[in-house]
């Protein structure tokens, strides 16, 4: 149980944005099997605590590596340029303007769904359009991040991830509305 390994080392993959998720998933299962706390039932309480902590470390690493946003943030952290999402300011006014428009449109659609003033099919079509647009934006930002990170343009990479937070939040809201529509 080596807590000094970073997540990439722990999972045996290169520390870069693009990772083989099949390799990560297989290694996760191996690590879980090797270090499951039940295997340490006959050791001291201190050793059991370490086993539980390592299992938690493995779970955190797996979540970070399999989730693009978390993986990007972890890479920035490893490079010495962690994203402080509380204090970072997005410097792209056009992006922020579009985000405000999307939020307003999504809020209006939510109201229409809540008051049943829109037909379910029309609402579903609008949500699909929002989802496609936001997914394209996500892909664009991920590609930009990868380029900026590889070129060691860390401030620009941080901006990409800050923007990606907005897009991910939008996608989550869209999913919630789709669920509401299905109820």
N, C-alpha and C. Protein backbone atom coordinates (compact mmCIF):
# COMPACT_ATOMS: atom_id res chain seq x y z
N UNK A 1 0.84 -1.18 0.00
CA UNK A 1 0.00 0.00 0.00
C UNK A 1 0.88 1.23 0.00
N UNK A 2 1.03 1.78 -1.18
CA UNK A 2 1.93 2.91 -1.36
C UNK A 2 1.12 4.18 -1.63
N UNK A 3 1.01 5.00 -0.59
CA UNK A 3 0.27 6.25 -0.71
C UNK A 3 1.08 7.34 -1.42
N UNK A 4 2.37 7.08 -1.69
CA UNK A 4 3.20 8.08 -2.33
C UNK A 4 3.01 8.09 -3.85
N UNK A 5 2.42 7.05 -4.39
CA UNK A 5 2.18 7.01 -5.82
C UNK A 5 1.04 7.96 -6.18
N UNK A 6 1.23 8.68 -7.28
CA UNK A 6 0.10 9.48 -7.74
C UNK A 6 -0.90 8.53 -8.41
N UNK A 7 -2.06 9.05 -8.74
CA UNK A 7 -3.13 8.21 -9.29
C UNK A 7 -2.71 7.48 -10.56
N UNK A 8 -1.96 8.16 -11.40
CA UNK A 8 -1.53 7.55 -12.66
C UNK A 8 -0.56 6.40 -12.40
N UNK A 9 0.39 6.63 -11.50
CA UNK A 9 1.34 5.58 -11.14
C UNK A 9 0.61 4.39 -10.52
N UNK A 10 -0.31 4.68 -9.64
CA UNK A 10 -1.07 3.63 -8.96
C UNK A 10 -1.78 2.73 -9.97
N UNK A 11 -2.29 3.33 -11.03
CA UNK A 11 -3.05 2.57 -12.02
C UNK A 11 -2.20 2.14 -13.22
N UNK A 12 -0.91 2.48 -13.20
CA UNK A 12 0.00 2.03 -14.25
C UNK A 12 -0.26 2.63 -15.61
N UNK A 13 -0.69 3.89 -15.64
CA UNK A 13 -0.92 4.59 -16.91
C UNK A 13 -0.09 5.87 -16.92
N UNK A 14 0.19 6.36 -18.12
CA UNK A 14 0.96 7.60 -18.25
C UNK A 14 0.17 8.78 -17.70
N UNK A 15 0.88 9.72 -17.11
CA UNK A 15 0.26 10.92 -16.54
C UNK A 15 -0.03 11.91 -17.67
N UNK A 16 -1.10 11.65 -18.39
CA UNK A 16 -1.55 12.54 -19.46
C UNK A 16 -3.07 12.49 -19.47
N UNK A 17 -3.66 13.41 -20.21
CA UNK A 17 -5.11 13.50 -20.17
C UNK A 17 -5.78 12.26 -20.76
N UNK A 18 -5.29 11.82 -21.90
CA UNK A 18 -5.91 10.67 -22.57
C UNK A 18 -5.42 9.39 -21.90
N UNK A 19 -6.33 8.66 -21.27
CA UNK A 19 -5.99 7.39 -20.64
C UNK A 19 -6.88 6.29 -21.20
N UNK A 20 -6.38 5.08 -21.15
CA UNK A 20 -7.15 3.92 -21.59
C UNK A 20 -8.06 3.51 -20.44
N UNK A 21 -9.34 3.81 -20.56
CA UNK A 21 -10.27 3.54 -19.47
C UNK A 21 -10.45 2.05 -19.21
N UNK A 22 -10.24 1.21 -20.21
CA UNK A 22 -10.30 -0.24 -19.99
C UNK A 22 -9.16 -0.67 -19.06
N UNK A 23 -7.97 -0.15 -19.29
CA UNK A 23 -6.83 -0.46 -18.43
C UNK A 23 -7.10 0.04 -17.01
N UNK A 24 -7.62 1.24 -16.91
CA UNK A 24 -7.92 1.83 -15.60
C UNK A 24 -8.95 0.97 -14.86
N UNK A 25 -10.00 0.54 -15.55
CA UNK A 25 -11.04 -0.28 -14.92
C UNK A 25 -10.50 -1.63 -14.47
N UNK A 26 -9.70 -2.26 -15.32
CA UNK A 26 -9.11 -3.56 -14.94
C UNK A 26 -8.20 -3.41 -13.73
N UNK A 27 -7.37 -2.37 -13.76
CA UNK A 27 -6.43 -2.15 -12.64
C UNK A 27 -7.20 -1.82 -11.36
N UNK A 28 -8.29 -1.12 -11.49
CA UNK A 28 -9.12 -0.80 -10.33
C UNK A 28 -9.61 -2.09 -9.66
N UNK A 29 -10.11 -3.01 -10.46
CA UNK A 29 -10.60 -4.27 -9.91
C UNK A 29 -9.48 -5.05 -9.24
N UNK A 30 -8.30 -5.04 -9.86
CA UNK A 30 -7.14 -5.73 -9.28
C UNK A 30 -6.77 -5.11 -7.94
N UNK A 31 -6.67 -3.79 -7.92
CA UNK A 31 -6.30 -3.09 -6.68
C UNK A 31 -7.34 -3.32 -5.59
N UNK A 32 -8.60 -3.29 -5.94
CA UNK A 32 -9.66 -3.52 -4.96
C UNK A 32 -9.54 -4.93 -4.37
N UNK A 33 -9.26 -5.89 -5.24
CA UNK A 33 -9.12 -7.27 -4.79
C UNK A 33 -7.93 -7.42 -3.84
N UNK A 34 -6.81 -6.80 -4.21
CA UNK A 34 -5.58 -6.90 -3.42
C UNK A 34 -5.69 -6.22 -2.07
N UNK A 35 -6.42 -5.14 -2.02
CA UNK A 35 -6.40 -4.32 -0.80
C UNK A 35 -7.74 -4.21 -0.09
N UNK A 36 -8.66 -5.07 -0.42
CA UNK A 36 -9.98 -4.99 0.23
C UNK A 36 -9.80 -5.12 1.74
N UNK A 37 -10.44 -4.26 2.51
CA UNK A 37 -10.29 -4.28 3.97
C UNK A 37 -10.62 -5.64 4.61
N UNK A 38 -11.50 -6.42 4.01
CA UNK A 38 -11.82 -7.74 4.57
C UNK A 38 -10.60 -8.65 4.61
N UNK A 39 -9.65 -8.44 3.72
CA UNK A 39 -8.42 -9.25 3.70
C UNK A 39 -7.54 -8.96 4.91
N UNK A 40 -7.85 -7.89 5.61
CA UNK A 40 -7.02 -7.46 6.73
C UNK A 40 -7.74 -7.63 8.08
N UNK A 41 -8.68 -8.55 8.11
CA UNK A 41 -9.46 -8.77 9.32
C UNK A 41 -8.63 -9.32 10.47
N UNK A 42 -7.55 -10.02 10.16
CA UNK A 42 -6.73 -10.67 11.21
C UNK A 42 -5.46 -9.90 11.54
N UNK A 43 -5.44 -8.60 11.27
CA UNK A 43 -4.27 -7.79 11.59
C UNK A 43 -4.67 -6.74 12.63
N UNK A 44 -3.70 -5.97 13.06
CA UNK A 44 -3.96 -4.98 14.09
C UNK A 44 -4.96 -3.92 13.61
N UNK A 45 -5.53 -3.24 14.57
CA UNK A 45 -6.50 -2.18 14.25
C UNK A 45 -5.84 -1.08 13.40
N UNK A 46 -4.58 -0.78 13.68
CA UNK A 46 -3.86 0.25 12.92
C UNK A 46 -3.71 -0.20 11.47
N UNK A 47 -3.36 -1.46 11.25
CA UNK A 47 -3.20 -1.98 9.89
C UNK A 47 -4.55 -2.02 9.17
N UNK A 48 -5.62 -2.28 9.91
CA UNK A 48 -6.95 -2.28 9.31
C UNK A 48 -7.32 -0.87 8.86
N UNK A 49 -6.99 0.13 9.68
CA UNK A 49 -7.27 1.53 9.31
C UNK A 49 -6.51 1.92 8.04
N UNK A 50 -5.26 1.49 7.95
CA UNK A 50 -4.46 1.79 6.76
C UNK A 50 -5.09 1.13 5.54
N UNK A 51 -5.57 -0.10 5.69
CA UNK A 51 -6.22 -0.80 4.58
C UNK A 51 -7.47 -0.06 4.12
N UNK A 52 -8.25 0.42 5.06
CA UNK A 52 -9.47 1.17 4.73
C UNK A 52 -9.08 2.48 4.04
N UNK A 53 -8.05 3.15 4.54
CA UNK A 53 -7.60 4.40 3.93
C UNK A 53 -7.08 4.17 2.51
N UNK A 54 -6.36 3.06 2.32
CA UNK A 54 -5.84 2.77 0.98
C UNK A 54 -6.97 2.43 0.02
N UNK A 55 -7.95 1.71 0.50
CA UNK A 55 -9.11 1.40 -0.33
C UNK A 55 -9.82 2.69 -0.75
N UNK A 56 -9.92 3.62 0.17
CA UNK A 56 -10.52 4.92 -0.13
C UNK A 56 -9.66 5.69 -1.15
N UNK A 57 -8.34 5.59 -1.00
CA UNK A 57 -7.41 6.23 -1.93
C UNK A 57 -7.59 5.66 -3.34
N UNK A 58 -7.74 4.36 -3.42
CA UNK A 58 -7.97 3.69 -4.71
C UNK A 58 -9.27 4.19 -5.33
N UNK A 59 -10.32 4.28 -4.54
CA UNK A 59 -11.61 4.75 -5.04
C UNK A 59 -11.52 6.19 -5.55
N UNK A 60 -10.83 7.04 -4.80
CA UNK A 60 -10.65 8.44 -5.22
C UNK A 60 -9.86 8.51 -6.52
N UNK A 61 -8.82 7.70 -6.62
CA UNK A 61 -8.00 7.68 -7.82
C UNK A 61 -8.82 7.22 -9.02
N UNK A 62 -9.62 6.20 -8.83
CA UNK A 62 -10.44 5.67 -9.91
C UNK A 62 -11.43 6.72 -10.40
N UNK A 63 -12.10 7.38 -9.47
CA UNK A 63 -13.06 8.42 -9.85
C UNK A 63 -12.36 9.53 -10.63
N UNK A 64 -11.19 9.93 -10.17
CA UNK A 64 -10.46 11.01 -10.85
C UNK A 64 -10.02 10.60 -12.25
N UNK A 65 -9.54 9.39 -12.40
CA UNK A 65 -9.03 8.97 -13.70
C UNK A 65 -10.14 8.69 -14.71
N UNK A 66 -11.28 8.25 -14.23
CA UNK A 66 -12.34 7.91 -15.18
C UNK A 66 -13.21 9.11 -15.57
N UNK A 67 -13.10 10.20 -14.83
CA UNK A 67 -13.92 11.38 -15.08
C UNK A 67 -13.07 12.49 -15.70
N UNK A 68 -13.34 12.87 -16.94
CA UNK A 68 -12.47 13.85 -17.61
C UNK A 68 -12.21 15.13 -16.82
N UNK A 69 -13.24 15.70 -16.24
CA UNK A 69 -13.06 16.95 -15.49
C UNK A 69 -12.14 16.74 -14.29
N UNK A 70 -12.36 15.67 -13.53
CA UNK A 70 -11.52 15.40 -12.36
C UNK A 70 -10.09 15.04 -12.78
N UNK A 71 -9.96 14.32 -13.89
CA UNK A 71 -8.63 13.94 -14.40
C UNK A 71 -7.85 15.20 -14.78
N UNK A 72 -8.51 16.12 -15.45
CA UNK A 72 -7.87 17.37 -15.85
C UNK A 72 -7.44 18.17 -14.62
N UNK A 73 -8.32 18.26 -13.64
CA UNK A 73 -7.96 18.99 -12.42
C UNK A 73 -6.78 18.33 -11.71
N UNK A 74 -6.76 17.01 -11.69
CA UNK A 74 -5.66 16.30 -11.04
C UNK A 74 -4.35 16.54 -11.78
N UNK A 75 -4.39 16.54 -13.10
CA UNK A 75 -3.18 16.82 -13.88
C UNK A 75 -2.65 18.22 -13.57
N UNK A 76 -3.56 19.18 -13.47
CA UNK A 76 -3.14 20.54 -13.12
C UNK A 76 -2.50 20.56 -11.72
N UNK A 77 -3.10 19.82 -10.81
CA UNK A 77 -2.56 19.74 -9.45
C UNK A 77 -1.15 19.14 -9.47
N UNK A 78 -0.97 18.04 -10.22
CA UNK A 78 0.34 17.40 -10.31
C UNK A 78 1.39 18.32 -10.93
N UNK A 79 0.95 19.16 -11.84
CA UNK A 79 1.89 20.06 -12.53
C UNK A 79 2.23 21.29 -11.68
N UNK A 80 1.61 21.39 -10.51
CA UNK A 80 1.87 22.54 -9.64
C UNK A 80 1.00 23.74 -9.95
N UNK A 81 -0.07 23.51 -10.71
CA UNK A 81 -0.98 24.60 -11.08
C UNK A 81 -2.43 24.21 -10.77
N UNK A 82 -2.70 23.96 -9.49
CA UNK A 82 -4.06 23.51 -9.15
C UNK A 82 -5.10 24.56 -9.47
N UNK A 83 -6.27 24.07 -9.82
CA UNK A 83 -7.39 24.96 -10.12
C UNK A 83 -8.08 25.30 -8.81
N UNK A 84 -8.12 26.58 -8.49
CA UNK A 84 -8.87 27.03 -7.33
C UNK A 84 -10.19 27.58 -7.86
N UNK A 85 -11.18 26.68 -7.94
CA UNK A 85 -12.44 27.06 -8.58
C UNK A 85 -13.18 28.16 -7.83
N UNK A 86 -12.83 28.40 -6.58
CA UNK A 86 -13.49 29.46 -5.82
C UNK A 86 -12.97 30.84 -6.21
N UNK A 87 -11.72 30.91 -6.68
CA UNK A 87 -11.16 32.23 -6.94
C UNK A 87 -10.81 32.48 -8.41
N UNK A 88 -10.96 31.47 -9.25
CA UNK A 88 -10.60 31.68 -10.66
C UNK A 88 -11.72 32.47 -11.36
N UNK A 89 -11.31 33.42 -12.16
CA UNK A 89 -12.25 34.24 -12.91
C UNK A 89 -12.11 33.89 -14.39
N UNK A 90 -13.23 33.59 -15.01
CA UNK A 90 -13.21 33.30 -16.44
C UNK A 90 -13.09 34.63 -17.17
N UNK A 91 -12.10 34.69 -18.05
CA UNK A 91 -11.79 35.94 -18.74
C UNK A 91 -12.39 36.01 -20.14
N UNK A 92 -13.29 35.11 -20.46
CA UNK A 92 -13.89 35.04 -21.79
C UNK A 92 -15.34 35.53 -21.70
N UNK A 93 -15.53 36.81 -22.00
CA UNK A 93 -16.85 37.42 -21.90
C UNK A 93 -17.88 36.77 -22.81
N UNK A 94 -17.47 36.39 -24.02
CA UNK A 94 -18.38 35.75 -24.96
C UNK A 94 -18.89 34.43 -24.39
N UNK A 95 -17.98 33.65 -23.81
CA UNK A 95 -18.37 32.37 -23.20
C UNK A 95 -19.39 32.61 -22.09
N UNK A 96 -19.12 33.59 -21.23
CA UNK A 96 -20.02 33.87 -20.12
C UNK A 96 -21.38 34.35 -20.61
N UNK A 97 -21.38 35.15 -21.66
CA UNK A 97 -22.64 35.63 -22.23
C UNK A 97 -23.47 34.45 -22.74
N UNK A 98 -22.83 33.54 -23.46
CA UNK A 98 -23.53 32.36 -23.97
C UNK A 98 -24.06 31.52 -22.82
N UNK A 99 -23.26 31.38 -21.77
CA UNK A 99 -23.70 30.61 -20.61
C UNK A 99 -24.95 31.22 -19.98
N UNK A 100 -24.98 32.54 -19.88
CA UNK A 100 -26.16 33.23 -19.32
C UNK A 100 -27.38 33.00 -20.20
N UNK A 101 -27.18 33.06 -21.52
CA UNK A 101 -28.30 32.80 -22.43
C UNK A 101 -28.82 31.37 -22.27
N UNK A 102 -27.89 30.41 -22.19
CA UNK A 102 -28.29 29.01 -22.01
C UNK A 102 -29.06 28.83 -20.70
N UNK A 103 -28.55 29.42 -19.64
CA UNK A 103 -29.20 29.29 -18.33
C UNK A 103 -30.62 29.87 -18.38
N UNK A 104 -30.74 31.03 -19.00
CA UNK A 104 -32.05 31.66 -19.09
C UNK A 104 -33.02 30.79 -19.90
N UNK A 105 -32.55 30.27 -21.02
CA UNK A 105 -33.40 29.42 -21.86
C UNK A 105 -33.76 28.13 -21.13
N UNK A 106 -32.81 27.58 -20.43
CA UNK A 106 -33.07 26.35 -19.69
C UNK A 106 -34.03 26.60 -18.52
N UNK A 107 -33.89 27.76 -17.89
CA UNK A 107 -34.79 28.13 -16.81
C UNK A 107 -36.22 28.31 -17.34
N UNK A 108 -36.34 28.95 -18.49
CA UNK A 108 -37.66 29.12 -19.11
C UNK A 108 -38.28 27.77 -19.45
N UNK A 109 -37.47 26.87 -19.99
CA UNK A 109 -37.96 25.54 -20.34
C UNK A 109 -38.37 24.77 -19.07
N UNK A 110 -37.60 24.93 -18.02
CA UNK A 110 -37.93 24.29 -16.75
C UNK A 110 -39.30 24.77 -16.24
N UNK A 111 -39.51 26.06 -16.35
CA UNK A 111 -40.79 26.63 -15.92
C UNK A 111 -41.93 26.07 -16.78
N UNK A 112 -41.71 25.96 -18.08
CA UNK A 112 -42.73 25.41 -18.97
C UNK A 112 -43.03 23.95 -18.61
N UNK A 113 -42.00 23.21 -18.26
CA UNK A 113 -42.20 21.81 -17.87
C UNK A 113 -42.96 21.74 -16.55
N UNK A 114 -42.56 22.58 -15.59
CA UNK A 114 -43.20 22.57 -14.27
C UNK A 114 -44.68 22.95 -14.34
N UNK A 115 -45.02 23.85 -15.23
CA UNK A 115 -46.41 24.30 -15.33
C UNK A 115 -47.19 23.54 -16.40
N UNK A 116 -46.53 22.56 -17.01
CA UNK A 116 -47.15 21.74 -18.06
C UNK A 116 -47.67 22.60 -19.21
N UNK A 117 -46.98 23.71 -19.48
CA UNK A 117 -47.41 24.58 -20.58
C UNK A 117 -46.67 24.25 -21.88
N UNK A 118 -45.96 23.13 -21.86
CA UNK A 118 -45.28 22.66 -23.07
C UNK A 118 -45.55 21.18 -23.22
N UNK A 119 -45.73 20.77 -24.42
CA UNK A 119 -45.95 19.36 -24.72
C UNK A 119 -44.66 18.58 -24.45
N UNK A 120 -44.78 17.38 -23.94
CA UNK A 120 -43.62 16.57 -23.54
C UNK A 120 -42.65 16.34 -24.70
N UNK A 121 -43.17 16.12 -25.87
CA UNK A 121 -42.32 15.88 -27.04
C UNK A 121 -41.53 17.13 -27.40
N UNK A 122 -42.17 18.28 -27.37
CA UNK A 122 -41.48 19.54 -27.68
C UNK A 122 -40.40 19.82 -26.62
N UNK A 123 -40.74 19.58 -25.36
CA UNK A 123 -39.76 19.78 -24.29
C UNK A 123 -38.57 18.85 -24.45
N UNK A 124 -38.86 17.60 -24.80
CA UNK A 124 -37.80 16.62 -25.00
C UNK A 124 -36.89 17.04 -26.15
N UNK A 125 -37.48 17.55 -27.22
CA UNK A 125 -36.68 18.02 -28.37
C UNK A 125 -35.78 19.18 -27.96
N UNK A 126 -36.32 20.11 -27.19
CA UNK A 126 -35.52 21.25 -26.74
C UNK A 126 -34.37 20.79 -25.84
N UNK A 127 -34.68 19.85 -24.94
CA UNK A 127 -33.64 19.32 -24.05
C UNK A 127 -32.56 18.60 -24.85
N UNK A 128 -32.95 17.86 -25.87
CA UNK A 128 -31.98 17.19 -26.74
C UNK A 128 -31.06 18.20 -27.41
N UNK A 129 -31.65 19.29 -27.89
CA UNK A 129 -30.86 20.34 -28.54
C UNK A 129 -29.86 20.94 -27.55
N UNK A 130 -30.33 21.25 -26.34
CA UNK A 130 -29.44 21.77 -25.29
C UNK A 130 -28.32 20.77 -25.01
N UNK A 131 -28.67 19.50 -24.88
CA UNK A 131 -27.70 18.47 -24.55
C UNK A 131 -26.64 18.33 -25.64
N UNK A 132 -27.08 18.33 -26.88
CA UNK A 132 -26.13 18.21 -28.00
C UNK A 132 -25.18 19.41 -28.02
N UNK A 133 -25.73 20.59 -27.85
CA UNK A 133 -24.92 21.81 -27.86
C UNK A 133 -23.91 21.80 -26.72
N UNK A 134 -24.38 21.47 -25.52
CA UNK A 134 -23.48 21.44 -24.36
C UNK A 134 -22.43 20.34 -24.50
N UNK A 135 -22.81 19.20 -25.04
CA UNK A 135 -21.85 18.11 -25.24
C UNK A 135 -20.76 18.49 -26.23
N UNK A 136 -21.15 19.20 -27.28
CA UNK A 136 -20.15 19.69 -28.25
C UNK A 136 -19.20 20.67 -27.57
N UNK A 137 -19.77 21.54 -26.74
CA UNK A 137 -18.95 22.51 -26.02
C UNK A 137 -17.99 21.78 -25.09
N UNK A 138 -18.47 20.74 -24.42
CA UNK A 138 -17.62 19.94 -23.53
C UNK A 138 -16.45 19.35 -24.32
N UNK A 139 -16.75 18.75 -25.46
CA UNK A 139 -15.70 18.15 -26.28
C UNK A 139 -14.66 19.18 -26.73
N UNK A 140 -15.14 20.35 -27.11
CA UNK A 140 -14.24 21.43 -27.54
C UNK A 140 -13.33 21.86 -26.39
N UNK A 141 -13.91 22.03 -25.21
CA UNK A 141 -13.12 22.46 -24.05
C UNK A 141 -12.11 21.40 -23.63
N UNK A 142 -12.50 20.14 -23.70
CA UNK A 142 -11.57 19.07 -23.35
C UNK A 142 -10.40 19.05 -24.32
N UNK A 143 -10.69 19.20 -25.61
CA UNK A 143 -9.62 19.23 -26.62
C UNK A 143 -8.70 20.44 -26.39
N UNK A 144 -9.28 21.58 -26.07
CA UNK A 144 -8.48 22.78 -25.79
C UNK A 144 -7.62 22.56 -24.56
N UNK A 145 -8.22 21.98 -23.52
CA UNK A 145 -7.44 21.71 -22.31
C UNK A 145 -6.25 20.83 -22.63
N UNK A 146 -6.50 19.75 -23.35
CA UNK A 146 -5.43 18.80 -23.65
C UNK A 146 -4.28 19.50 -24.39
N UNK A 147 -4.61 20.34 -25.36
CA UNK A 147 -3.58 21.07 -26.10
C UNK A 147 -2.82 22.03 -25.19
N UNK A 148 -3.56 22.79 -24.40
CA UNK A 148 -2.93 23.76 -23.50
C UNK A 148 -2.05 23.05 -22.46
N UNK A 149 -2.55 21.96 -21.92
CA UNK A 149 -1.79 21.23 -20.91
C UNK A 149 -0.50 20.66 -21.51
N UNK A 150 -0.62 20.04 -22.69
CA UNK A 150 0.56 19.46 -23.34
C UNK A 150 1.60 20.52 -23.68
N UNK A 151 1.14 21.74 -23.99
CA UNK A 151 2.04 22.85 -24.31
C UNK A 151 2.45 23.64 -23.08
N UNK A 152 2.11 23.12 -21.91
CA UNK A 152 2.44 23.73 -20.62
C UNK A 152 1.93 25.17 -20.51
N UNK A 153 0.78 25.41 -21.11
CA UNK A 153 0.10 26.70 -20.98
C UNK A 153 -0.95 26.53 -19.88
N UNK A 154 -0.46 26.51 -18.65
CA UNK A 154 -1.29 26.10 -17.53
C UNK A 154 -2.40 27.09 -17.18
N UNK A 155 -2.14 28.39 -17.35
CA UNK A 155 -3.19 29.38 -17.06
C UNK A 155 -4.35 29.19 -18.03
N UNK A 156 -4.03 28.97 -19.30
CA UNK A 156 -5.07 28.74 -20.30
C UNK A 156 -5.78 27.41 -20.04
N UNK A 157 -5.02 26.41 -19.61
CA UNK A 157 -5.62 25.11 -19.27
C UNK A 157 -6.59 25.26 -18.10
N UNK A 158 -6.22 26.08 -17.12
CA UNK A 158 -7.11 26.34 -15.99
C UNK A 158 -8.40 27.01 -16.47
N UNK A 159 -8.28 27.94 -17.40
CA UNK A 159 -9.47 28.61 -17.94
C UNK A 159 -10.40 27.60 -18.61
N UNK A 160 -9.82 26.66 -19.35
CA UNK A 160 -10.63 25.63 -20.01
C UNK A 160 -11.41 24.82 -18.97
N UNK A 161 -10.75 24.46 -17.90
CA UNK A 161 -11.41 23.64 -16.88
C UNK A 161 -12.45 24.46 -16.12
N UNK A 162 -12.18 25.73 -15.88
CA UNK A 162 -13.19 26.57 -15.23
C UNK A 162 -14.43 26.65 -16.11
N UNK A 163 -14.24 26.79 -17.41
CA UNK A 163 -15.37 26.81 -18.34
C UNK A 163 -16.08 25.46 -18.35
N UNK A 164 -15.30 24.40 -18.31
CA UNK A 164 -15.88 23.06 -18.33
C UNK A 164 -16.80 22.83 -17.13
N UNK A 165 -16.47 23.45 -16.00
CA UNK A 165 -17.36 23.35 -14.84
C UNK A 165 -18.76 23.89 -15.17
N UNK A 166 -18.82 25.01 -15.87
CA UNK A 166 -20.11 25.58 -16.28
C UNK A 166 -20.87 24.60 -17.16
N UNK A 167 -20.18 24.04 -18.13
CA UNK A 167 -20.82 23.14 -19.09
C UNK A 167 -21.30 21.86 -18.40
N UNK A 168 -20.49 21.32 -17.51
CA UNK A 168 -20.88 20.10 -16.78
C UNK A 168 -22.12 20.36 -15.91
N UNK A 169 -22.16 21.55 -15.31
CA UNK A 169 -23.33 21.90 -14.50
C UNK A 169 -24.57 21.99 -15.38
N UNK A 170 -24.41 22.56 -16.56
CA UNK A 170 -25.52 22.66 -17.51
C UNK A 170 -26.00 21.26 -17.90
N UNK A 171 -25.08 20.36 -18.19
CA UNK A 171 -25.45 19.00 -18.58
C UNK A 171 -26.18 18.28 -17.44
N UNK A 172 -25.75 18.52 -16.22
CA UNK A 172 -26.43 17.93 -15.06
C UNK A 172 -27.85 18.46 -14.95
N UNK A 173 -28.02 19.76 -15.14
CA UNK A 173 -29.36 20.36 -15.09
C UNK A 173 -30.26 19.81 -16.19
N UNK A 174 -29.69 19.60 -17.35
CA UNK A 174 -30.45 19.03 -18.47
C UNK A 174 -30.92 17.62 -18.11
N UNK A 175 -30.02 16.83 -17.54
CA UNK A 175 -30.39 15.47 -17.13
C UNK A 175 -31.52 15.48 -16.10
N UNK A 176 -31.44 16.40 -15.15
CA UNK A 176 -32.48 16.50 -14.12
C UNK A 176 -33.83 16.85 -14.75
N UNK A 177 -33.81 17.76 -15.72
CA UNK A 177 -35.06 18.12 -16.40
C UNK A 177 -35.59 16.95 -17.23
N UNK A 178 -34.69 16.21 -17.86
CA UNK A 178 -35.12 15.03 -18.62
C UNK A 178 -35.77 14.01 -17.69
N UNK A 179 -35.19 13.81 -16.51
CA UNK A 179 -35.78 12.90 -15.53
C UNK A 179 -37.14 13.38 -15.09
N UNK A 180 -37.25 14.68 -14.84
CA UNK A 180 -38.52 15.27 -14.43
C UNK A 180 -39.58 15.07 -15.51
N UNK A 181 -39.15 15.22 -16.76
CA UNK A 181 -40.06 15.07 -17.87
C UNK A 181 -40.58 13.63 -17.98
N UNK A 182 -39.74 12.69 -17.61
CA UNK A 182 -40.13 11.27 -17.67
C UNK A 182 -41.05 10.86 -16.54
N UNK A 183 -41.02 11.62 -15.45
CA UNK A 183 -41.88 11.27 -14.29
C UNK A 183 -43.34 11.51 -14.55
